[in-house]
Each structure stands twice: as structure tokens, then as C-alpha cells.
Amino acid sequence: MDYICATALVAYQLFGLFARLLVFRDRRYLVIACIFTALLCGQHVYRMLFIHFDYGYHVKVNVIVGKLSWCLDRNAILFEVNAFLICSCMVILSAKW
């Protein structure tokens, strides 16, 4: 339960960041960001509960998403580059090793 709540908190903070960055853009971008963060959180929780409960994987995901959201917050101009990094890291982490 604690791991699921931590993941939900990190995903909510990431969505809050997207909401702040996309507040003056088209509403569709915010919907896409909401779907992205919901899928990210859902995929991580599903993997932790039903595939393999790995504490190291959980910490890596939360640290990477937290650090990249911090980078996005500090460098809003480089939004596209940082968004690409977030997607790339999640693809790498979700792959089976």
C-alpha cells in the first residue's frame, strides 16, 4: 500500500507540473498529459502488484520521475527535450532485464 501511494504521489506531482506548464495552451495537451501520467502510474502499479514486486525498480522509477519533473520545472523552455527523456527512461525501465 505504501508503494502504491508513493507512486500515486509522484504521478500527481508530475501531472501538477504538466498542468502548470500547459495552462495557457490548448486543453488537449493537458488531457494528453493526464492520460500519460495515469498510464505511467497504472503501468508501474500493475507491474509491482502482478508481475514482480521489486523494491529497486520502484525506487528507480520514483527517483527518475521526480528528478525529471524537477528538471522540467526548472527548465520550462526545454520542455520537449525533457518530455522525451521521461518517455525514454520509462520505456527503458519497463523493459524486462
N, C-alpha and C. Protein backbone atom coordinates (compact mmCIF):
# COMPACT_ATOMS: atom_id res chain seq x y z
N MET A 1 0.82 -1.19 0.00
CA MET A 1 0.00 0.00 0.00
C MET A 1 0.87 1.25 0.00
N ASP A 2 1.95 1.24 0.76
CA ASP A 2 2.83 2.40 0.84
C ASP A 2 3.48 2.68 -0.51
N TYR A 3 3.85 1.64 -1.23
CA TYR A 3 4.50 1.82 -2.53
C TYR A 3 3.52 2.38 -3.55
N ILE A 4 2.28 1.94 -3.48
CA ILE A 4 1.26 2.44 -4.41
C ILE A 4 0.98 3.92 -4.14
N CYS A 5 0.90 4.28 -2.89
CA CYS A 5 0.66 5.69 -2.54
C CYS A 5 1.83 6.57 -2.95
N ALA A 6 3.05 6.08 -2.79
CA ALA A 6 4.22 6.85 -3.20
C ALA A 6 4.21 7.06 -4.72
N THR A 7 3.86 6.03 -5.46
CA THR A 7 3.78 6.16 -6.91
C THR A 7 2.69 7.12 -7.31
N ALA A 8 1.55 7.05 -6.65
CA ALA A 8 0.46 7.97 -6.96
C ALA A 8 0.85 9.41 -6.64
N LEU A 9 1.58 9.62 -5.56
CA LEU A 9 2.02 10.96 -5.20
C LEU A 9 2.99 11.52 -6.24
N VAL A 10 3.95 10.72 -6.68
CA VAL A 10 4.90 11.17 -7.69
C VAL A 10 4.18 11.45 -9.01
N ALA A 11 3.24 10.59 -9.38
CA ALA A 11 2.48 10.81 -10.62
C ALA A 11 1.63 12.07 -10.51
N TYR A 12 1.04 12.31 -9.35
CA TYR A 12 0.23 13.52 -9.16
C TYR A 12 1.09 14.78 -9.23
N GLN A 13 2.29 14.73 -8.67
CA GLN A 13 3.20 15.87 -8.76
C GLN A 13 3.63 16.11 -10.21
N LEU A 14 3.85 15.04 -10.95
CA LEU A 14 4.19 15.18 -12.36
C LEU A 14 3.03 15.78 -13.14
N PHE A 15 1.81 15.35 -12.85
CA PHE A 15 0.65 15.93 -13.52
C PHE A 15 0.47 17.40 -13.13
N GLY A 16 0.70 17.73 -11.87
CA GLY A 16 0.63 19.13 -11.45
C GLY A 16 1.62 20.00 -12.19
N LEU A 17 2.81 19.45 -12.43
CA LEU A 17 3.80 20.18 -13.22
C LEU A 17 3.32 20.38 -14.65
N PHE A 18 2.78 19.31 -15.25
CA PHE A 18 2.25 19.44 -16.61
C PHE A 18 1.12 20.47 -16.65
N ALA A 19 0.29 20.48 -15.63
CA ALA A 19 -0.82 21.44 -15.59
C ALA A 19 -0.30 22.87 -15.52
N ARG A 20 0.75 23.09 -14.74
CA ARG A 20 1.33 24.44 -14.66
C ARG A 20 1.97 24.84 -15.98
N LEU A 21 2.63 23.91 -16.65
CA LEU A 21 3.31 24.23 -17.91
C LEU A 21 2.33 24.41 -19.06
N LEU A 22 1.22 23.71 -19.03
CA LEU A 22 0.29 23.70 -20.16
C LEU A 22 -0.97 24.53 -19.90
N VAL A 23 -0.97 25.37 -18.90
CA VAL A 23 -2.18 26.09 -18.53
C VAL A 23 -2.65 27.04 -19.63
N PHE A 24 -1.75 27.62 -20.39
CA PHE A 24 -2.14 28.58 -21.43
C PHE A 24 -2.16 27.97 -22.83
N ARG A 25 -1.99 26.68 -22.93
CA ARG A 25 -2.04 26.01 -24.23
C ARG A 25 -3.41 25.38 -24.43
N ASP A 26 -3.53 24.70 -25.55
CA ASP A 26 -4.79 24.03 -25.86
C ASP A 26 -5.11 22.96 -24.81
N ARG A 27 -6.38 22.79 -24.52
CA ARG A 27 -6.84 21.85 -23.49
C ARG A 27 -6.47 20.41 -23.82
N ARG A 28 -6.32 20.10 -25.10
CA ARG A 28 -5.97 18.73 -25.50
C ARG A 28 -4.62 18.31 -24.95
N TYR A 29 -3.67 19.24 -24.87
CA TYR A 29 -2.35 18.90 -24.33
C TYR A 29 -2.45 18.48 -22.85
N LEU A 30 -3.30 19.15 -22.12
CA LEU A 30 -3.50 18.79 -20.71
C LEU A 30 -4.16 17.42 -20.58
N VAL A 31 -5.09 17.11 -21.47
CA VAL A 31 -5.73 15.79 -21.45
C VAL A 31 -4.70 14.71 -21.78
N ILE A 32 -3.84 14.98 -22.75
CA ILE A 32 -2.78 14.03 -23.11
C ILE A 32 -1.84 13.83 -21.92
N ALA A 33 -1.48 14.91 -21.24
CA ALA A 33 -0.61 14.80 -20.06
C ALA A 33 -1.28 14.00 -18.95
N CYS A 34 -2.58 14.19 -18.78
CA CYS A 34 -3.33 13.44 -17.77
C CYS A 34 -3.34 11.95 -18.11
N ILE A 35 -3.59 11.63 -19.36
CA ILE A 35 -3.59 10.23 -19.79
C ILE A 35 -2.21 9.62 -19.62
N PHE A 36 -1.17 10.38 -19.98
CA PHE A 36 0.21 9.89 -19.85
C PHE A 36 0.54 9.57 -18.40
N THR A 37 0.23 10.48 -17.48
CA THR A 37 0.57 10.22 -16.09
C THR A 37 -0.28 9.10 -15.49
N ALA A 38 -1.53 8.99 -15.92
CA ALA A 38 -2.38 7.89 -15.44
C ALA A 38 -1.85 6.55 -15.94
N LEU A 39 -1.44 6.49 -17.20
CA LEU A 39 -0.87 5.25 -17.73
C LEU A 39 0.46 4.92 -17.07
N LEU A 40 1.27 5.93 -16.83
CA LEU A 40 2.55 5.73 -16.17
C LEU A 40 2.34 5.14 -14.77
N CYS A 41 1.45 5.73 -14.02
CA CYS A 41 1.16 5.25 -12.67
C CYS A 41 0.53 3.86 -12.71
N GLY A 42 -0.43 3.66 -13.60
CA GLY A 42 -1.09 2.37 -13.72
C GLY A 42 -0.16 1.25 -14.12
N GLN A 43 0.73 1.55 -15.07
CA GLN A 43 1.68 0.53 -15.51
C GLN A 43 2.63 0.15 -14.38
N HIS A 44 3.08 1.14 -13.64
CA HIS A 44 4.01 0.86 -12.55
C HIS A 44 3.34 0.05 -11.43
N VAL A 45 2.13 0.45 -11.06
CA VAL A 45 1.41 -0.28 -10.01
C VAL A 45 1.09 -1.70 -10.47
N TYR A 46 0.67 -1.87 -11.71
CA TYR A 46 0.37 -3.20 -12.23
C TYR A 46 1.61 -4.09 -12.18
N ARG A 47 2.74 -3.52 -12.62
CA ARG A 47 3.97 -4.31 -12.62
C ARG A 47 4.38 -4.68 -11.20
N MET A 48 4.23 -3.75 -10.28
CA MET A 48 4.62 -4.03 -8.89
C MET A 48 3.70 -5.06 -8.24
N LEU A 49 2.41 -5.02 -8.53
CA LEU A 49 1.47 -5.92 -7.86
C LEU A 49 1.35 -7.28 -8.52
N PHE A 50 1.38 -7.33 -9.84
CA PHE A 50 1.04 -8.58 -10.53
C PHE A 50 2.20 -9.26 -11.25
N ILE A 51 3.24 -8.53 -11.59
CA ILE A 51 4.35 -9.16 -12.33
C ILE A 51 5.49 -9.51 -11.39
N HIS A 52 6.10 -8.50 -10.78
CA HIS A 52 7.21 -8.76 -9.87
C HIS A 52 7.36 -7.59 -8.92
N PHE A 53 7.29 -7.84 -7.64
CA PHE A 53 7.44 -6.79 -6.65
C PHE A 53 8.92 -6.58 -6.40
N ASP A 54 9.45 -5.51 -6.98
CA ASP A 54 10.88 -5.23 -6.89
C ASP A 54 11.08 -3.85 -6.28
N TYR A 55 11.66 -3.81 -5.11
CA TYR A 55 11.86 -2.54 -4.42
C TYR A 55 12.83 -1.64 -5.19
N GLY A 56 13.88 -2.22 -5.75
CA GLY A 56 14.85 -1.43 -6.50
C GLY A 56 14.23 -0.76 -7.72
N TYR A 57 13.38 -1.49 -8.43
CA TYR A 57 12.68 -0.93 -9.59
C TYR A 57 11.78 0.22 -9.15
N HIS A 58 11.08 0.04 -8.04
CA HIS A 58 10.18 1.07 -7.53
C HIS A 58 10.94 2.36 -7.21
N VAL A 59 12.07 2.22 -6.54
CA VAL A 59 12.86 3.39 -6.18
C VAL A 59 13.40 4.07 -7.43
N LYS A 60 13.89 3.28 -8.41
CA LYS A 60 14.40 3.87 -9.65
C LYS A 60 13.34 4.68 -10.37
N VAL A 61 12.15 4.12 -10.50
CA VAL A 61 11.07 4.82 -11.20
C VAL A 61 10.73 6.12 -10.49
N ASN A 62 10.55 6.08 -9.19
CA ASN A 62 10.17 7.28 -8.46
C ASN A 62 11.27 8.33 -8.46
N VAL A 63 12.52 7.92 -8.36
CA VAL A 63 13.62 8.88 -8.39
C VAL A 63 13.75 9.51 -9.77
N ILE A 64 13.66 8.70 -10.82
CA ILE A 64 13.80 9.24 -12.17
C ILE A 64 12.65 10.18 -12.51
N VAL A 65 11.44 9.80 -12.20
CA VAL A 65 10.31 10.69 -12.49
C VAL A 65 10.40 11.95 -11.65
N GLY A 66 10.79 11.83 -10.40
CA GLY A 66 10.94 13.01 -9.55
C GLY A 66 12.03 13.95 -10.04
N LYS A 67 13.18 13.40 -10.40
CA LYS A 67 14.28 14.22 -10.90
C LYS A 67 13.93 14.88 -12.23
N LEU A 68 13.31 14.13 -13.12
CA LEU A 68 12.97 14.71 -14.41
C LEU A 68 11.87 15.74 -14.29
N SER A 69 10.95 15.56 -13.38
CA SER A 69 9.94 16.60 -13.18
C SER A 69 10.58 17.84 -12.57
N TRP A 70 11.59 17.66 -11.74
CA TRP A 70 12.32 18.81 -11.21
C TRP A 70 13.04 19.54 -12.34
N CYS A 71 13.65 18.78 -13.26
CA CYS A 71 14.32 19.40 -14.41
C CYS A 71 13.30 20.14 -15.28
N LEU A 72 12.14 19.56 -15.49
CA LEU A 72 11.11 20.22 -16.28
C LEU A 72 10.67 21.51 -15.60
N ASP A 73 10.56 21.49 -14.31
CA ASP A 73 10.12 22.67 -13.57
C ASP A 73 11.15 23.79 -13.67
N ARG A 74 12.41 23.45 -13.65
CA ARG A 74 13.47 24.45 -13.69
C ARG A 74 13.75 24.96 -15.11
N ASN A 75 13.52 24.12 -16.11
CA ASN A 75 13.83 24.48 -17.49
C ASN A 75 12.60 24.31 -18.37
N ALA A 76 11.64 25.18 -18.19
CA ALA A 76 10.39 25.06 -18.96
C ALA A 76 10.63 25.25 -20.45
N ILE A 77 11.70 25.94 -20.83
CA ILE A 77 12.00 26.15 -22.24
C ILE A 77 12.35 24.84 -22.92
N LEU A 78 13.00 23.95 -22.20
CA LEU A 78 13.42 22.66 -22.76
C LEU A 78 12.38 21.58 -22.52
N PHE A 79 11.11 21.94 -22.56
CA PHE A 79 10.03 21.02 -22.24
C PHE A 79 10.04 19.79 -23.14
N GLU A 80 10.19 19.99 -24.45
CA GLU A 80 10.14 18.86 -25.38
C GLU A 80 11.29 17.89 -25.15
N VAL A 81 12.47 18.40 -24.89
CA VAL A 81 13.63 17.54 -24.65
C VAL A 81 13.44 16.74 -23.37
N ASN A 82 12.98 17.40 -22.31
CA ASN A 82 12.78 16.70 -21.04
C ASN A 82 11.63 15.70 -21.12
N ALA A 83 10.58 16.04 -21.87
CA ALA A 83 9.48 15.09 -22.03
C ALA A 83 9.97 13.84 -22.76
N PHE A 84 10.83 14.04 -23.76
CA PHE A 84 11.41 12.90 -24.46
C PHE A 84 12.25 12.05 -23.50
N LEU A 85 12.99 12.69 -22.62
CA LEU A 85 13.80 11.94 -21.65
C LEU A 85 12.92 11.14 -20.69
N ILE A 86 11.82 11.72 -20.26
CA ILE A 86 10.91 11.00 -19.37
C ILE A 86 10.37 9.76 -20.06
N CYS A 87 9.90 9.93 -21.30
CA CYS A 87 9.36 8.78 -22.04
C CYS A 87 10.43 7.72 -22.26
N SER A 88 11.63 8.15 -22.61
CA SER A 88 12.72 7.19 -22.86
C SER A 88 13.08 6.42 -21.60
N CYS A 89 13.16 7.11 -20.48
CA CYS A 89 13.50 6.44 -19.23
C CYS A 89 12.42 5.44 -18.82
N MET A 90 11.17 5.79 -19.03
CA MET A 90 10.10 4.87 -18.66
C MET A 90 10.09 3.64 -19.56
N VAL A 91 10.40 3.81 -20.84
CA VAL A 91 10.49 2.66 -21.74
C VAL A 91 11.63 1.76 -21.32
N ILE A 92 12.76 2.36 -20.98
CA ILE A 92 13.92 1.57 -20.55
C ILE A 92 13.62 0.83 -19.26
N LEU A 93 12.98 1.52 -18.30
CA LEU A 93 12.69 0.88 -17.02
C LEU A 93 11.62 -0.20 -17.12
N SER A 94 10.71 -0.05 -18.06
CA SER A 94 9.63 -1.04 -18.17
C SER A 94 10.07 -2.29 -18.92
N ALA A 95 11.21 -2.25 -19.57
CA ALA A 95 11.71 -3.42 -20.29
C ALA A 95 12.20 -4.47 -19.28
N LYS A 96 12.02 -5.71 -19.63
CA LYS A 96 12.50 -6.78 -18.75
C LYS A 96 14.00 -6.94 -18.91
N TRP A 97 14.68 -7.04 -17.80
CA TRP A 97 16.14 -7.17 -17.85
C TRP A 97 16.54 -8.58 -17.69
